[in-house]
Amino acid sequence: RLITGDTPADAGRYLLVGVTCAGANNLLLIGGAAAGLHYTVCI
């Protein structure tokens, strides 16, 4: 059994959502810091 279900497609959906969310998270953290925001505001 895979982490998220019974098929490789389930794992692929989990990976895609995870990578997308991690990218958005990094964009906000790094972009916010580059714009001069304090890291607590970025978080």
PDB file of all heavy atoms in Angstrom:
ATOM      1  N   ARG A   1       0.853  -1.202   0.000  1.00  0.00           N
ATOM      2  CA  ARG A   1       0.000   0.000   0.000  1.00  0.00           C
ATOM      3  C   ARG A   1       0.883   1.243   0.000  1.00  0.00           C
ATOM      4  O   ARG A   1       1.803   1.365   0.794  1.00  0.00           O
ATOM      5  CB  ARG A   1      -0.897  -0.012   1.228  1.00  0.00           C
ATOM      6  CG  ARG A   1      -1.914   1.108   1.219  1.00  0.00           C
ATOM      7  CD  ARG A   1      -2.948   0.841   2.295  1.00  0.00           C
ATOM      8  NE  ARG A   1      -3.807   1.967   2.477  1.00  0.00           N
ATOM      9  CZ  ARG A   1      -4.921   2.172   1.787  1.00  0.00           C
ATOM     10  NH1 ARG A   1      -5.286   1.306   0.891  1.00  0.00           N
ATOM     11  NH2 ARG A   1      -5.658   3.234   2.011  1.00  0.00           N
ATOM     12  N   LEU A   2       0.581   2.176  -0.889  1.00  0.00           N
ATOM     13  CA  LEU A   2       1.321   3.426  -0.952  1.00  0.00           C
ATOM     14  C   LEU A   2       0.879   4.352   0.173  1.00  0.00           C
ATOM     15  O   LEU A   2      -0.128   4.117   0.832  1.00  0.00           O
ATOM     16  CB  LEU A   2       1.092   4.098  -2.309  1.00  0.00           C
ATOM     17  CG  LEU A   2       1.602   3.313  -3.524  1.00  0.00           C
ATOM     18  CD1 LEU A   2       1.154   3.998  -4.800  1.00  0.00           C
ATOM     19  CD2 LEU A   2       3.098   3.176  -3.491  1.00  0.00           C
ATOM     20  N   ILE A   3       1.614   5.419   0.368  1.00  0.00           N
ATOM     21  CA  ILE A   3       1.307   6.373   1.437  1.00  0.00           C
ATOM     22  C   ILE A   3      -0.118   6.890   1.329  1.00  0.00           C
ATOM     23  O   ILE A   3      -0.847   6.951   2.302  1.00  0.00           O
ATOM     24  CB  ILE A   3       2.306   7.555   1.408  1.00  0.00           C
ATOM     25  CG1 ILE A   3       3.692   7.073   1.754  1.00  0.00           C
ATOM     26  CG2 ILE A   3       1.886   8.647   2.366  1.00  0.00           C
ATOM     27  CD1 ILE A   3       4.764   8.113   1.553  1.00  0.00           C
ATOM     28  N   THR A   4      -0.557   7.242   0.146  1.00  0.00           N
ATOM     29  CA  THR A   4      -1.852   7.904   0.011  1.00  0.00           C
ATOM     30  C   THR A   4      -2.932   7.026  -0.579  1.00  0.00           C
ATOM     31  O   THR A   4      -4.060   7.463  -0.691  1.00  0.00           O
ATOM     32  CB  THR A   4      -1.719   9.155  -0.869  1.00  0.00           C
ATOM     33  OG1 THR A   4      -1.259   8.754  -2.149  1.00  0.00           O
ATOM     34  CG2 THR A   4      -0.788  10.160  -0.253  1.00  0.00           C
ATOM     35  N   GLY A   5      -2.644   5.828  -0.973  1.00  0.00           N
ATOM     36  CA  GLY A   5      -3.686   5.000  -1.561  1.00  0.00           C
ATOM     37  C   GLY A   5      -3.143   3.742  -2.183  1.00  0.00           C
ATOM     38  O   GLY A   5      -2.063   3.276  -1.837  1.00  0.00           O
ATOM     39  N   ASP A   6      -3.889   3.214  -3.115  1.00  0.00           N
ATOM     40  CA  ASP A   6      -3.548   1.927  -3.692  1.00  0.00           C
ATOM     41  C   ASP A   6      -2.844   2.004  -5.033  1.00  0.00           C
ATOM     42  O   ASP A   6      -2.407   0.992  -5.544  1.00  0.00           O
ATOM     43  CB  ASP A   6      -4.821   1.089  -3.857  1.00  0.00           C
ATOM     44  CG  ASP A   6      -5.416   0.724  -2.513  1.00  0.00           C
ATOM     45  OD1 ASP A   6      -4.663   0.492  -1.567  1.00  0.00           O
ATOM     46  OD2 ASP A   6      -6.653   0.673  -2.442  1.00  0.00           O
ATOM     47  N   THR A   7      -2.764   3.161  -5.643  1.00  0.00           N
ATOM     48  CA  THR A   7      -2.209   3.246  -6.986  1.00  0.00           C
ATOM     49  C   THR A   7      -1.106   4.294  -7.064  1.00  0.00           C
ATOM     50  O   THR A   7      -1.047   5.213  -6.250  1.00  0.00           O
ATOM     51  CB  THR A   7      -3.299   3.633  -8.006  1.00  0.00           C
ATOM     52  OG1 THR A   7      -3.718   4.968  -7.751  1.00  0.00           O
ATOM     53  CG2 THR A   7      -4.504   2.700  -7.925  1.00  0.00           C
ATOM     54  N   PRO A   8      -0.246   4.165  -8.057  1.00  0.00           N
ATOM     55  CA  PRO A   8       0.759   5.211  -8.268  1.00  0.00           C
ATOM     56  C   PRO A   8       0.134   6.580  -8.543  1.00  0.00           C
ATOM     57  O   PRO A   8       0.721   7.602  -8.215  1.00  0.00           O
ATOM     58  CB  PRO A   8       1.547   4.703  -9.478  1.00  0.00           C
ATOM     59  CG  PRO A   8       1.372   3.227  -9.449  1.00  0.00           C
ATOM     60  CD  PRO A   8      -0.025   3.005  -8.920  1.00  0.00           C
ATOM     61  N   ALA A   9      -1.079   6.610  -9.115  1.00  0.00           N
ATOM     62  CA  ALA A   9      -1.740   7.896  -9.366  1.00  0.00           C
ATOM     63  C   ALA A   9      -2.033   8.603  -8.052  1.00  0.00           C
ATOM     64  O   ALA A   9      -1.930   9.830  -7.966  1.00  0.00           O
ATOM     65  CB  ALA A   9      -3.032   7.681 -10.156  1.00  0.00           C
ATOM     66  N   ASP A  10      -2.406   7.844  -7.002  1.00  0.00           N
ATOM     67  CA  ASP A  10      -2.646   8.442  -5.692  1.00  0.00           C
ATOM     68  C   ASP A  10      -1.376   9.101  -5.177  1.00  0.00           C
ATOM     69  O   ASP A  10      -1.409  10.218  -4.670  1.00  0.00           O
ATOM     70  CB  ASP A  10      -3.116   7.390  -4.682  1.00  0.00           C
ATOM     71  CG  ASP A  10      -4.465   6.802  -5.026  1.00  0.00           C
ATOM     72  OD1 ASP A  10      -5.259   7.477  -5.707  1.00  0.00           O
ATOM     73  OD2 ASP A  10      -4.723   5.656  -4.603  1.00  0.00           O
ATOM     74  N   ALA A  11      -0.256   8.409  -5.292  1.00  0.00           N
ATOM     75  CA  ALA A  11       1.017   8.963  -4.841  1.00  0.00           C
ATOM     76  C   ALA A  11       1.404  10.166  -5.688  1.00  0.00           C
ATOM     77  O   ALA A  11       1.950  11.140  -5.183  1.00  0.00           O
ATOM     78  CB  ALA A  11       2.109   7.900  -4.897  1.00  0.00           C
ATOM     79  N   GLY A  12       1.104  10.136  -6.967  1.00  0.00           N
ATOM     80  CA  GLY A  12       1.405  11.259  -7.848  1.00  0.00           C
ATOM     81  C   GLY A  12       0.608  12.500  -7.478  1.00  0.00           C
ATOM     82  O   GLY A  12       1.138  13.612  -7.477  1.00  0.00           O
ATOM     83  N   ARG A  13      -0.680  12.311  -7.141  1.00  0.00           N
ATOM     84  CA  ARG A  13      -1.497  13.455  -6.719  1.00  0.00           C
ATOM     85  C   ARG A  13      -0.957  14.033  -5.420  1.00  0.00           C
ATOM     86  O   ARG A  13      -0.874  15.249  -5.255  1.00  0.00           O
ATOM     87  CB  ARG A  13      -2.962  13.030  -6.546  1.00  0.00           C
ATOM     88  CG  ARG A  13      -3.689  12.815  -7.852  1.00  0.00           C
ATOM     89  CD  ARG A  13      -5.183  12.679  -7.657  1.00  0.00           C
ATOM     90  NE  ARG A  13      -5.557  11.627  -6.727  1.00  0.00           N
ATOM     91  CZ  ARG A  13      -5.786  10.363  -7.051  1.00  0.00           C
ATOM     92  NH1 ARG A  13      -5.671   9.979  -8.303  1.00  0.00           N
ATOM     93  NH2 ARG A  13      -6.138   9.496  -6.126  1.00  0.00           N
ATOM     94  N   TYR A  14      -0.581  13.163  -4.476  1.00  0.00           N
ATOM     95  CA  TYR A  14      -0.031  13.613  -3.199  1.00  0.00           C
ATOM     96  C   TYR A  14       1.251  14.408  -3.434  1.00  0.00           C
ATOM     97  O   TYR A  14       1.437  15.487  -2.870  1.00  0.00           O
ATOM     98  CB  TYR A  14       0.252  12.405  -2.303  1.00  0.00           C
ATOM     99  CG  TYR A  14       0.735  12.762  -0.935  1.00  0.00           C
ATOM    100  CD1 TYR A  14      -0.159  13.096   0.071  1.00  0.00           C
ATOM    101  CD2 TYR A  14       2.097  12.775  -0.627  1.00  0.00           C
ATOM    102  CE1 TYR A  14       0.276  13.430   1.346  1.00  0.00           C
ATOM    103  CE2 TYR A  14       2.545  13.117   0.634  1.00  0.00           C
ATOM    104  CZ  TYR A  14       1.628  13.436   1.616  1.00  0.00           C
ATOM    105  OH  TYR A  14       2.061  13.774   2.868  1.00  0.00           O
ATOM    106  N   LEU A  15       2.116  13.899  -4.280  1.00  0.00           N
ATOM    107  CA  LEU A  15       3.383  14.567  -4.585  1.00  0.00           C
ATOM    108  C   LEU A  15       3.139  15.914  -5.262  1.00  0.00           C
ATOM    109  O   LEU A  15       3.767  16.913  -4.903  1.00  0.00           O
ATOM    110  CB  LEU A  15       4.251  13.668  -5.464  1.00  0.00           C
ATOM    111  CG  LEU A  15       5.618  14.212  -5.833  1.00  0.00           C
ATOM    112  CD1 LEU A  15       6.483  14.391  -4.593  1.00  0.00           C
ATOM    113  CD2 LEU A  15       6.298  13.271  -6.816  1.00  0.00           C
ATOM    114  N   LEU A  16       2.220  15.960  -6.215  1.00  0.00           N
ATOM    115  CA  LEU A  16       1.954  17.207  -6.932  1.00  0.00           C
ATOM    116  C   LEU A  16       1.412  18.283  -5.998  1.00  0.00           C
ATOM    117  O   LEU A  16       1.866  19.432  -6.032  1.00  0.00           O
ATOM    118  CB  LEU A  16       0.976  16.961  -8.086  1.00  0.00           C
ATOM    119  CG  LEU A  16       0.656  18.175  -8.945  1.00  0.00           C
ATOM    120  CD1 LEU A  16       1.916  18.731  -9.603  1.00  0.00           C
ATOM    121  CD2 LEU A  16      -0.367  17.814  -9.999  1.00  0.00           C
ATOM    122  N   VAL A  17       0.458  17.931  -5.149  1.00  0.00           N
ATOM    123  CA  VAL A  17      -0.087  18.908  -4.206  1.00  0.00           C
ATOM    124  C   VAL A  17       1.000  19.333  -3.222  1.00  0.00           C
ATOM    125  O   VAL A  17       1.149  20.523  -2.924  1.00  0.00           O
ATOM    126  CB  VAL A  17      -1.325  18.351  -3.464  1.00  0.00           C
ATOM    127  CG1 VAL A  17      -1.755  19.287  -2.345  1.00  0.00           C
ATOM    128  CG2 VAL A  17      -2.473  18.135  -4.435  1.00  0.00           C
ATOM    129  N   GLY A  18       1.783  18.381  -2.729  1.00  0.00           N
ATOM    130  CA  GLY A  18       2.848  18.702  -1.785  1.00  0.00           C
ATOM    131  C   GLY A  18       3.897  19.630  -2.373  1.00  0.00           C
ATOM    132  O   GLY A  18       4.309  20.612  -1.738  1.00  0.00           O
ATOM    133  N   VAL A  19       4.324  19.353  -3.593  1.00  0.00           N
ATOM    134  CA  VAL A  19       5.334  20.189  -4.253  1.00  0.00           C
ATOM    135  C   VAL A  19       4.764  21.576  -4.541  1.00  0.00           C
ATOM    136  O   VAL A  19       5.455  22.592  -4.361  1.00  0.00           O
ATOM    137  CB  VAL A  19       5.841  19.503  -5.542  1.00  0.00           C
ATOM    138  CG1 VAL A  19       6.628  20.463  -6.420  1.00  0.00           C
ATOM    139  CG2 VAL A  19       6.689  18.291  -5.194  1.00  0.00           C
ATOM    140  N   THR A  20       3.512  21.644  -4.969  1.00  0.00           N
ATOM    141  CA  THR A  20       2.880  22.935  -5.239  1.00  0.00           C
ATOM    142  C   THR A  20       2.794  23.774  -3.966  1.00  0.00           C
ATOM    143  O   THR A  20       3.109  24.973  -3.972  1.00  0.00           O
ATOM    144  CB  THR A  20       1.480  22.734  -5.849  1.00  0.00           C
ATOM    145  OG1 THR A  20       1.613  21.974  -7.054  1.00  0.00           O
ATOM    146  CG2 THR A  20       0.806  24.057  -6.138  1.00  0.00           C
ATOM    147  N   CYS A  21       2.368  23.149  -2.869  1.00  0.00           N
ATOM    148  CA  CYS A  21       2.259  23.870  -1.599  1.00  0.00           C
ATOM    149  C   CYS A  21       3.635  24.288  -1.075  1.00  0.00           C
ATOM    150  O   CYS A  21       3.792  25.396  -0.557  1.00  0.00           O
ATOM    151  CB  CYS A  21       1.533  23.014  -0.565  1.00  0.00           C
ATOM    152  SG  CYS A  21      -0.210  22.770  -0.956  1.00  0.00           S
ATOM    153  N   ALA A  22       4.624  23.423  -1.218  1.00  0.00           N
ATOM    154  CA  ALA A  22       5.981  23.774  -0.791  1.00  0.00           C
ATOM    155  C   ALA A  22       6.510  24.938  -1.622  1.00  0.00           C
ATOM    156  O   ALA A  22       7.159  25.849  -1.093  1.00  0.00           O
ATOM    157  CB  ALA A  22       6.905  22.562  -0.915  1.00  0.00           C
ATOM    158  N   GLY A  23       6.220  24.925  -2.917  1.00  0.00           N
ATOM    159  CA  GLY A  23       6.648  26.033  -3.778  1.00  0.00           C
ATOM    160  C   GLY A  23       5.981  27.350  -3.388  1.00  0.00           C
ATOM    161  O   GLY A  23       6.639  28.390  -3.320  1.00  0.00           O
ATOM    162  N   ALA A  24       4.676  27.294  -3.116  1.00  0.00           N
ATOM    163  CA  ALA A  24       3.963  28.503  -2.686  1.00  0.00           C
ATOM    164  C   ALA A  24       4.505  28.998  -1.350  1.00  0.00           C
ATOM    165  O   ALA A  24       4.678  30.203  -1.134  1.00  0.00           O
ATOM    166  CB  ALA A  24       2.470  28.219  -2.587  1.00  0.00           C
ATOM    167  N   ASN A  25       4.775  28.068  -0.463  1.00  0.00           N
ATOM    168  CA  ASN A  25       5.333  28.407   0.846  1.00  0.00           C
ATOM    169  C   ASN A  25       6.682  29.107   0.685  1.00  0.00           C
ATOM    170  O   ASN A  25       6.924  30.162   1.279  1.00  0.00           O
ATOM    171  CB  ASN A  25       5.477  27.128   1.671  1.00  0.00           C
ATOM    172  CG  ASN A  25       5.826  27.397   3.103  1.00  0.00           C
ATOM    173  OD1 ASN A  25       5.230  28.239   3.743  1.00  0.00           O
ATOM    174  ND2 ASN A  25       6.794  26.663   3.614  1.00  0.00           N
ATOM    175  N   ASN A  26       7.558  28.538  -0.120  1.00  0.00           N
ATOM    176  CA  ASN A  26       8.881  29.135  -0.345  1.00  0.00           C
ATOM    177  C   ASN A  26       8.778  30.477  -1.057  1.00  0.00           C
ATOM    178  O   ASN A  26       9.532  31.399  -0.751  1.00  0.00           O
ATOM    179  CB  ASN A  26       9.774  28.181  -1.127  1.00  0.00           C
ATOM    180  CG  ASN A  26      10.319  27.079  -0.257  1.00  0.00           C
ATOM    181  OD1 ASN A  26      10.425  27.223   0.956  1.00  0.00           O
ATOM    182  ND2 ASN A  26      10.650  25.961  -0.868  1.00  0.00           N
ATOM    183  N   LEU A  27       7.850  30.587  -1.995  1.00  0.00           N
ATOM    184  CA  LEU A  27       7.655  31.858  -2.700  1.00  0.00           C
ATOM    185  C   LEU A  27       7.267  32.952  -1.713  1.00  0.00           C
ATOM    186  O   LEU A  27       7.814  34.063  -1.763  1.00  0.00           O
ATOM    187  CB  LEU A  27       6.579  31.695  -3.770  1.00  0.00           C
ATOM    188  CG  LEU A  27       6.284  32.912  -4.619  1.00  0.00           C
ATOM    189  CD1 LEU A  27       7.475  33.247  -5.512  1.00  0.00           C
ATOM    190  CD2 LEU A  27       5.051  32.672  -5.469  1.00  0.00           C
ATOM    191  N   LEU A  28       6.352  32.639  -0.802  1.00  0.00           N
ATOM    192  CA  LEU A  28       5.943  33.634   0.192  1.00  0.00           C
ATOM    193  C   LEU A  28       7.069  33.950   1.175  1.00  0.00           C
ATOM    194  O   LEU A  28       7.288  35.113   1.519  1.00  0.00           O
ATOM    195  CB  LEU A  28       4.712  33.148   0.951  1.00  0.00           C
ATOM    196  CG  LEU A  28       3.405  33.188   0.167  1.00  0.00           C
ATOM    197  CD1 LEU A  28       2.314  32.421   0.900  1.00  0.00           C
ATOM    198  CD2 LEU A  28       2.984  34.619  -0.071  1.00  0.00           C
ATOM    199  N   LEU A  29       7.779  32.932   1.625  1.00  0.00           N
ATOM    200  CA  LEU A  29       8.870  33.170   2.585  1.00  0.00           C
ATOM    201  C   LEU A  29      10.026  33.935   1.962  1.00  0.00           C
ATOM    202  O   LEU A  29      10.468  34.956   2.487  1.00  0.00           O
ATOM    203  CB  LEU A  29       9.379  31.835   3.147  1.00  0.00           C
ATOM    204  CG  LEU A  29       8.485  31.112   4.139  1.00  0.00           C
ATOM    205  CD1 LEU A  29       9.049  29.743   4.451  1.00  0.00           C
ATOM    206  CD2 LEU A  29       8.321  31.922   5.404  1.00  0.00           C
ATOM    207  N   ILE A  30      10.507  33.455   0.842  1.00  0.00           N
ATOM    208  CA  ILE A  30      11.668  34.071   0.200  1.00  0.00           C
ATOM    209  C   ILE A  30      11.290  35.406  -0.438  1.00  0.00           C
ATOM    210  O   ILE A  30      12.011  36.399  -0.312  1.00  0.00           O
ATOM    211  CB  ILE A  30      12.294  33.107  -0.824  1.00  0.00           C
ATOM    212  CG1 ILE A  30      12.831  31.859  -0.093  1.00  0.00           C
ATOM    213  CG2 ILE A  30      13.396  33.785  -1.621  1.00  0.00           C
ATOM    214  CD1 ILE A  30      13.182  30.701  -1.003  1.00  0.00           C
ATOM    215  N   GLY A  31      10.131  35.430  -1.106  1.00  0.00           N
ATOM    216  CA  GLY A  31       9.685  36.674  -1.724  1.00  0.00           C
ATOM    217  C   GLY A  31       9.386  37.753  -0.698  1.00  0.00           C
ATOM    218  O   GLY A  31       9.721  38.922  -0.893  1.00  0.00           O
ATOM    219  N   GLY A  32       8.761  37.345   0.398  1.00  0.00           N
ATOM    220  CA  GLY A  32       8.474  38.303   1.464  1.00  0.00           C
ATOM    221  C   GLY A  32       9.735  38.858   2.090  1.00  0.00           C
ATOM    222  O   GLY A  32       9.842  40.059   2.358  1.00  0.00           O
ATOM    223  N   ALA A  33      10.709  37.977   2.318  1.00  0.00           N
ATOM    224  CA  ALA A  33      11.983  38.429   2.891  1.00  0.00           C
ATOM    225  C   ALA A  33      12.704  39.364   1.921  1.00  0.00           C
ATOM    226  O   ALA A  33      13.278  40.378   2.328  1.00  0.00           O
ATOM    227  CB  ALA A  33      12.860  37.227   3.228  1.00  0.00           C
ATOM    228  N   ALA A  34      12.653  39.036   0.618  1.00  0.00           N
ATOM    229  CA  ALA A  34      13.288  39.899  -0.386  1.00  0.00           C
ATOM    230  C   ALA A  34      12.595  41.261  -0.466  1.00  0.00           C
ATOM    231  O   ALA A  34      13.230  42.266  -0.777  1.00  0.00           O
ATOM    232  CB  ALA A  34      13.266  39.217  -1.749  1.00  0.00           C
ATOM    233  N   ALA A  35      11.294  41.281  -0.150  1.00  0.00           N
ATOM    234  CA  ALA A  35      10.547  42.538  -0.162  1.00  0.00           C
ATOM    235  C   ALA A  35      10.731  43.327   1.125  1.00  0.00           C
ATOM    236  O   ALA A  35      10.194  44.420   1.269  1.00  0.00           O
ATOM    237  CB  ALA A  35       9.061  42.254  -0.386  1.00  0.00           C
ATOM    238  N   GLY A  36      11.497  42.767   2.062  1.00  0.00           N
ATOM    239  CA  GLY A  36      11.794  43.484   3.293  1.00  0.00           C
ATOM    240  C   GLY A  36      10.884  43.156   4.466  1.00  0.00           C
ATOM    241  O   GLY A  36      10.969  43.793   5.514  1.00  0.00           O
ATOM    242  N   LEU A  37      10.012  42.147   4.309  1.00  0.00           N
ATOM    243  CA  LEU A  37       9.149  41.758   5.416  1.00  0.00           C
ATOM    244  C   LEU A  37       9.923  40.925   6.434  1.00  0.00           C
ATOM    245  O   LEU A  37      10.830  40.172   6.066  1.00  0.00           O
ATOM    246  CB  LEU A  37       7.958  40.940   4.906  1.00  0.00           C
ATOM    247  CG  LEU A  37       6.989  41.650   3.972  1.00  0.00           C
ATOM    248  CD1 LEU A  37       5.942  40.675   3.455  1.00  0.00           C
ATOM    249  CD2 LEU A  37       6.331  42.829   4.669  1.00  0.00           C
ATOM    250  N   HIS A  38       9.569  41.049   7.686  1.00  0.00           N
ATOM    251  CA  HIS A  38      10.190  40.241   8.743  1.00  0.00           C
ATOM    252  C   HIS A  38       9.752  38.797   8.551  1.00  0.00           C
ATOM    253  O   HIS A  38       8.648  38.523   8.073  1.00  0.00           O
ATOM    254  CB  HIS A  38       9.760  40.760  10.121  1.00  0.00           C
ATOM    255  CG  HIS A  38      10.575  40.203  11.233  1.00  0.00           C
ATOM    256  ND1 HIS A  38      10.219  39.048  11.883  1.00  0.00           N
ATOM    257  CD2 HIS A  38      11.734  40.626  11.792  1.00  0.00           C
ATOM    258  CE1 HIS A  38      11.117  38.781  12.824  1.00  0.00           C
ATOM    259  NE2 HIS A  38      12.050  39.739  12.781  1.00  0.00           N
ATOM    260  N   TYR A  39      10.624  37.857   8.933  1.00  0.00           N
ATOM    261  CA  TYR A  39      10.308  36.454   8.693  1.00  0.00           C
ATOM    262  C   TYR A  39       9.054  35.995   9.433  1.00  0.00           C
ATOM    263  O   TYR A  39       8.354  35.087   8.970  1.00  0.00           O
ATOM    264  CB  TYR A  39      11.493  35.539   8.991  1.00  0.00           C
ATOM    265  CG  TYR A  39      11.920  35.487  10.436  1.00  0.00           C
ATOM    266  CD1 TYR A  39      11.312  34.611  11.331  1.00  0.00           C
ATOM    267  CD2 TYR A  39      12.951  36.289  10.906  1.00  0.00           C
ATOM    268  CE1 TYR A  39      11.711  34.552  12.648  1.00  0.00           C
ATOM    269  CE2 TYR A  39      13.357  36.237  12.225  1.00  0.00           C
ATOM    270  CZ  TYR A  39      12.733  35.361  13.089  1.00  0.00           C
ATOM    271  OH  TYR A  39      13.140  35.297  14.394  1.00  0.00           O
ATOM    272  N   THR A  40       8.714  36.606  10.552  1.00  0.00           N
ATOM    273  CA  THR A  40       7.495  36.199  11.255  1.00  0.00           C
ATOM    274  C   THR A  40       6.243  36.592  10.445  1.00  0.00           C
ATOM    275  O   THR A  40       5.257  35.854  10.436  1.00  0.00           O
ATOM    276  CB  THR A  40       7.424  36.811  12.672  1.00  0.00           C
ATOM    277  OG1 THR A  40       7.552  38.224  12.580  1.00  0.00           O
ATOM    278  CG2 THR A  40       8.491  36.251  13.566  1.00  0.00           C
ATOM    279  N   VAL A  41       6.303  37.716   9.759  1.00  0.00           N
ATOM    280  CA  VAL A  41       5.190  38.123   8.896  1.00  0.00           C
ATOM    281  C   VAL A  41       5.084  37.155   7.718  1.00  0.00           C
ATOM    282  O   VAL A  41       3.983  36.735   7.337  1.00  0.00           O
ATOM    283  CB  VAL A  41       5.375  39.574   8.400  1.00  0.00           C
ATOM    284  CG1 VAL A  41       4.317  39.947   7.369  1.00  0.00           C
ATOM    285  CG2 VAL A  41       5.368  40.538   9.573  1.00  0.00           C
ATOM    286  N   CYS A  42       6.214  36.766   7.162  1.00  0.00           N
ATOM    287  CA  CYS A  42       6.229  35.823   6.041  1.00  0.00           C
ATOM    288  C   CYS A  42       5.653  34.470   6.457  1.00  0.00           C
ATOM    289  O   CYS A  42       4.876  33.859   5.711  1.00  0.00           O
ATOM    290  CB  CYS A  42       7.642  35.648   5.500  1.00  0.00           C
ATOM    291  SG  CYS A  42       8.356  37.156   4.833  1.00  0.00           S
ATOM    292  N   ILE A  43       6.006  34.014   7.641  1.00  0.00           N
ATOM    293  CA  ILE A  43       5.473  32.747   8.138  1.00  0.00           C
ATOM    294  C   ILE A  43       3.972  32.854   8.343  1.00  0.00           C
ATOM    295  O   ILE A  43       3.213  31.941   7.986  1.00  0.00           O
ATOM    296  CB  ILE A  43       6.200  32.322   9.429  1.00  0.00           C
ATOM    297  CG1 ILE A  43       7.647  31.944   9.114  1.00  0.00           C
ATOM    298  CG2 ILE A  43       5.468  31.162  10.115  1.00  0.00           C
ATOM    299  CD1 ILE A  43       8.535  31.769  10.332  1.00  0.00           C
TER     300      ILE A  43
END
